[in-house]
Amino acid sequence: MTIDIAHFKTKLEEEERFLEEELKKVGRRNPDNLSDWEAVPTDKDSSQADENTIADNVENYEDNVAIVDTLETRYQEIKNALDKINQNIFGLCQSCNKEIDAERLEANPSAKTCREHM
């Protein structure tokens, strides 16, 4: 069975764009490492804020950190899968080097392993 690389490349690129938009809502690219994302505080001016507002801002920032961590992990998985397409090794199990079935790739185009090595 042959994998439709163009189909999966399109799916991966769409998810990559979606994840970038979601990351921009809660974070920004690290200026020192453009492949890294970092959370941004929700309110930068807390000089006039009361303790409750400051506490809420800290909690919102912590939430943003968790969201960025989750999104960034998925974003890197997508980038790695796109790199594999460019290297002509997309869809191969990293454990046994056999082809990952299309059904598994349809569910998760960035899958690294076949069902046997999940």
C-alpha atoms as a PDB file:
ATOM      1  CA  MET A   1       0.000   0.000   0.000  1.00  0.00           C
ATOM      2  CA  THR A   2       1.307   3.452  -0.877  1.00  0.00           C
ATOM      3  CA  ILE A   3       0.759   6.448   1.385  1.00  0.00           C
ATOM      4  CA  ASP A   4      -0.709   9.595  -0.201  1.00  0.00           C
ATOM      5  CA  ILE A   5       2.095  11.949   0.867  1.00  0.00           C
ATOM      6  CA  ALA A   6       0.432  15.052  -0.638  1.00  0.00           C
ATOM      7  CA  HIS A   7      -2.732  14.407   1.378  1.00  0.00           C
ATOM      8  CA  PHE A   8      -0.848  14.065   4.652  1.00  0.00           C
ATOM      9  CA  LYS A   9       1.387  17.044   3.887  1.00  0.00           C
ATOM     10  CA  THR A  10      -1.723  19.188   3.431  1.00  0.00           C
ATOM     11  CA  LYS A  11      -3.210  17.896   6.698  1.00  0.00           C
ATOM     12  CA  LEU A  12       0.032  18.563   8.570  1.00  0.00           C
ATOM     13  CA  GLU A  13       0.412  22.068   7.128  1.00  0.00           C
ATOM     14  CA  GLU A  14      -3.174  22.921   8.076  1.00  0.00           C
ATOM     15  CA  GLU A  15      -2.612  21.722  11.626  1.00  0.00           C
ATOM     16  CA  GLU A  16       0.693  23.603  11.770  1.00  0.00           C
ATOM     17  CA  ARG A  17      -1.064  26.871  10.830  1.00  0.00           C
ATOM     18  CA  PHE A  18      -3.839  26.212  13.345  1.00  0.00           C
ATOM     19  CA  LEU A  19      -1.347  25.515  16.141  1.00  0.00           C
ATOM     20  CA  GLU A  20       0.644  28.657  15.318  1.00  0.00           C
ATOM     21  CA  GLU A  21      -2.539  30.742  15.608  1.00  0.00           C
ATOM     22  CA  GLU A  22      -3.427  29.103  18.917  1.00  0.00           C
ATOM     23  CA  LEU A  23       0.112  29.599  20.242  1.00  0.00           C
ATOM     24  CA  LYS A  24      -0.010  33.295  19.305  1.00  0.00           C
ATOM     25  CA  LYS A  25      -3.087  33.699  21.542  1.00  0.00           C
ATOM     26  CA  VAL A  26      -1.200  32.672  24.693  1.00  0.00           C
ATOM     27  CA  GLY A  27       2.463  33.011  23.813  1.00  0.00           C
ATOM     28  CA  ARG A  28       5.133  34.384  21.561  1.00  0.00           C
ATOM     29  CA  ARG A  29       8.221  33.054  19.846  1.00  0.00           C
ATOM     30  CA  ASN A  30      11.266  33.199  22.066  1.00  0.00           C
ATOM     31  CA  PRO A  31      13.482  35.893  20.479  1.00  0.00           C
ATOM     32  CA  ASP A  32      16.592  33.943  21.497  1.00  0.00           C
ATOM     33  CA  ASN A  33      15.326  30.679  19.955  1.00  0.00           C
ATOM     34  CA  LEU A  34      12.705  31.117  17.228  1.00  0.00           C
ATOM     35  CA  SER A  35      11.766  27.437  17.305  1.00  0.00           C
ATOM     36  CA  ASP A  36      10.713  27.842  20.950  1.00  0.00           C
ATOM     37  CA  TRP A  37       7.502  29.411  22.263  1.00  0.00           C
ATOM     38  CA  GLU A  38       7.019  31.032  25.647  1.00  0.00           C
ATOM     39  CA  ALA A  39       3.882  32.056  27.494  1.00  0.00           C
ATOM     40  CA  VAL A  40       3.047  35.730  27.853  1.00  0.00           C
ATOM     41  CA  PRO A  41       1.481  37.371  30.869  1.00  0.00           C
ATOM     42  CA  THR A  42      -2.137  38.424  30.406  1.00  0.00           C
ATOM     43  CA  ASP A  43      -1.744  41.893  31.986  1.00  0.00           C
ATOM     44  CA  LYS A  44       1.598  43.624  31.854  1.00  0.00           C
ATOM     45  CA  ASP A  45       0.705  46.648  34.003  1.00  0.00           C
ATOM     46  CA  SER A  46      -0.036  45.456  37.498  1.00  0.00           C
ATOM     47  CA  SER A  47       1.375  48.510  39.243  1.00  0.00           C
ATOM     48  CA  GLN A  48      -2.104  49.819  40.120  1.00  0.00           C
ATOM     49  CA  ALA A  49      -3.712  46.407  40.576  1.00  0.00           C
ATOM     50  CA  ASP A  50      -4.951  45.024  43.863  1.00  0.00           C
ATOM     51  CA  GLU A  51      -3.792  41.690  45.290  1.00  0.00           C
ATOM     52  CA  ASN A  52      -6.711  39.755  43.787  1.00  0.00           C
ATOM     53  CA  THR A  53      -5.995  41.101  40.305  1.00  0.00           C
ATOM     54  CA  ILE A  54      -2.320  40.248  40.644  1.00  0.00           C
ATOM     55  CA  ALA A  55      -3.207  36.744  41.838  1.00  0.00           C
ATOM     56  CA  ASP A  56      -5.565  36.321  38.872  1.00  0.00           C
ATOM     57  CA  ASN A  57      -2.822  37.490  36.500  1.00  0.00           C
ATOM     58  CA  VAL A  58      -0.364  34.982  37.955  1.00  0.00           C
ATOM     59  CA  GLU A  59      -2.936  32.199  37.656  1.00  0.00           C
ATOM     60  CA  ASN A  60      -3.723  33.178  34.045  1.00  0.00           C
ATOM     61  CA  TYR A  61      -0.017  33.209  33.223  1.00  0.00           C
ATOM     62  CA  GLU A  62       0.422  29.745  34.740  1.00  0.00           C
ATOM     63  CA  ASP A  63      -2.523  28.558  32.633  1.00  0.00           C
ATOM     64  CA  ASN A  64      -0.854  30.055  29.549  1.00  0.00           C
ATOM     65  CA  VAL A  65       2.387  28.216  30.366  1.00  0.00           C
ATOM     66  CA  ALA A  66       0.507  24.900  30.498  1.00  0.00           C
ATOM     67  CA  ILE A  67      -1.332  25.655  27.254  1.00  0.00           C
ATOM     68  CA  VAL A  68       1.874  26.693  25.479  1.00  0.00           C
ATOM     69  CA  ASP A  69       3.634  23.520  26.676  1.00  0.00           C
ATOM     70  CA  THR A  70       0.836  21.315  25.314  1.00  0.00           C
ATOM     71  CA  LEU A  71       0.488  23.167  22.007  1.00  0.00           C
ATOM     72  CA  GLU A  72       4.233  23.422  21.503  1.00  0.00           C
ATOM     73  CA  THR A  73       4.671  19.674  21.971  1.00  0.00           C
ATOM     74  CA  ARG A  74       2.078  18.998  19.284  1.00  0.00           C
ATOM     75  CA  TYR A  75       3.561  21.740  17.079  1.00  0.00           C
ATOM     76  CA  GLN A  76       6.993  20.088  17.241  1.00  0.00           C
ATOM     77  CA  GLU A  77       5.456  16.700  16.372  1.00  0.00           C
ATOM     78  CA  ILE A  78       3.889  18.287  13.275  1.00  0.00           C
ATOM     79  CA  LYS A  79       7.173  20.002  12.310  1.00  0.00           C
ATOM     80  CA  ASN A  80       9.010  16.677  12.692  1.00  0.00           C
ATOM     81  CA  ALA A  81       6.481  14.904  10.471  1.00  0.00           C
ATOM     82  CA  LEU A  82       6.860  17.619   7.811  1.00  0.00           C
ATOM     83  CA  ASP A  83      10.647  17.206   8.039  1.00  0.00           C
ATOM     84  CA  LYS A  84      10.186  13.470   7.466  1.00  0.00           C
ATOM     85  CA  ILE A  85       8.205  14.254   4.304  1.00  0.00           C
ATOM     86  CA  ASN A  86      11.092  16.404   3.087  1.00  0.00           C
ATOM     87  CA  GLN A  87      13.534  13.583   3.866  1.00  0.00           C
ATOM     88  CA  ASN A  88      11.319  10.991   2.107  1.00  0.00           C
ATOM     89  CA  ILE A  89      10.944   8.931   5.291  1.00  0.00           C
ATOM     90  CA  PHE A  90       7.387   9.942   6.228  1.00  0.00           C
ATOM     91  CA  GLY A  91       5.096   7.121   7.316  1.00  0.00           C
ATOM     92  CA  LEU A  92       7.811   4.734   8.435  1.00  0.00           C
ATOM     93  CA  CYS A  93       7.837   3.325  11.948  1.00  0.00           C
ATOM     94  CA  GLN A  94      10.820   4.605  13.903  1.00  0.00           C
ATOM     95  CA  SER A  95      11.082   1.241  15.684  1.00  0.00           C
ATOM     96  CA  CYS A  96      10.867  -1.310  12.873  1.00  0.00           C
ATOM     97  CA  ASN A  97      11.043   0.886   9.735  1.00  0.00           C
ATOM     98  CA  LYS A  98       7.854  -0.690   8.345  1.00  0.00           C
ATOM     99  CA  GLU A  99       5.172   1.473   6.776  1.00  0.00           C
ATOM    100  CA  ILE A 100       2.606   2.925   9.198  1.00  0.00           C
ATOM    101  CA  ASP A 101      -0.872   2.105   7.932  1.00  0.00           C
ATOM    102  CA  ALA A 102      -2.880   4.916   6.351  1.00  0.00           C
ATOM    103  CA  GLU A 103      -5.720   4.576   8.876  1.00  0.00           C
ATOM    104  CA  ARG A 104      -3.332   5.321  11.747  1.00  0.00           C
ATOM    105  CA  LEU A 105      -1.807   8.245   9.840  1.00  0.00           C
ATOM    106  CA  GLU A 106      -5.271   9.586   9.053  1.00  0.00           C
ATOM    107  CA  ALA A 107      -6.012   9.667  12.796  1.00  0.00           C
ATOM    108  CA  ASN A 108      -2.593  11.107  13.621  1.00  0.00           C
ATOM    109  CA  PRO A 109      -0.478  12.231  10.655  1.00  0.00           C
ATOM    110  CA  SER A 110       2.509  12.768  12.936  1.00  0.00           C
ATOM    111  CA  ALA A 111       2.491   9.180  14.226  1.00  0.00           C
ATOM    112  CA  LYS A 112       6.038   7.930  14.753  1.00  0.00           C
ATOM    113  CA  THR A 113       5.328   4.232  15.086  1.00  0.00           C
ATOM    114  CA  CYS A 114       3.161   1.506  13.609  1.00  0.00           C
ATOM    115  CA  ARG A 115       0.351  -0.021  15.683  1.00  0.00           C
ATOM    116  CA  GLU A 116       2.637  -2.822  16.844  1.00  0.00           C
ATOM    117  CA  HIS A 117       5.069  -0.337  18.432  1.00  0.00           C
ATOM    118  CA  MET A 118       2.572   2.152  19.856  1.00  0.00           C
END
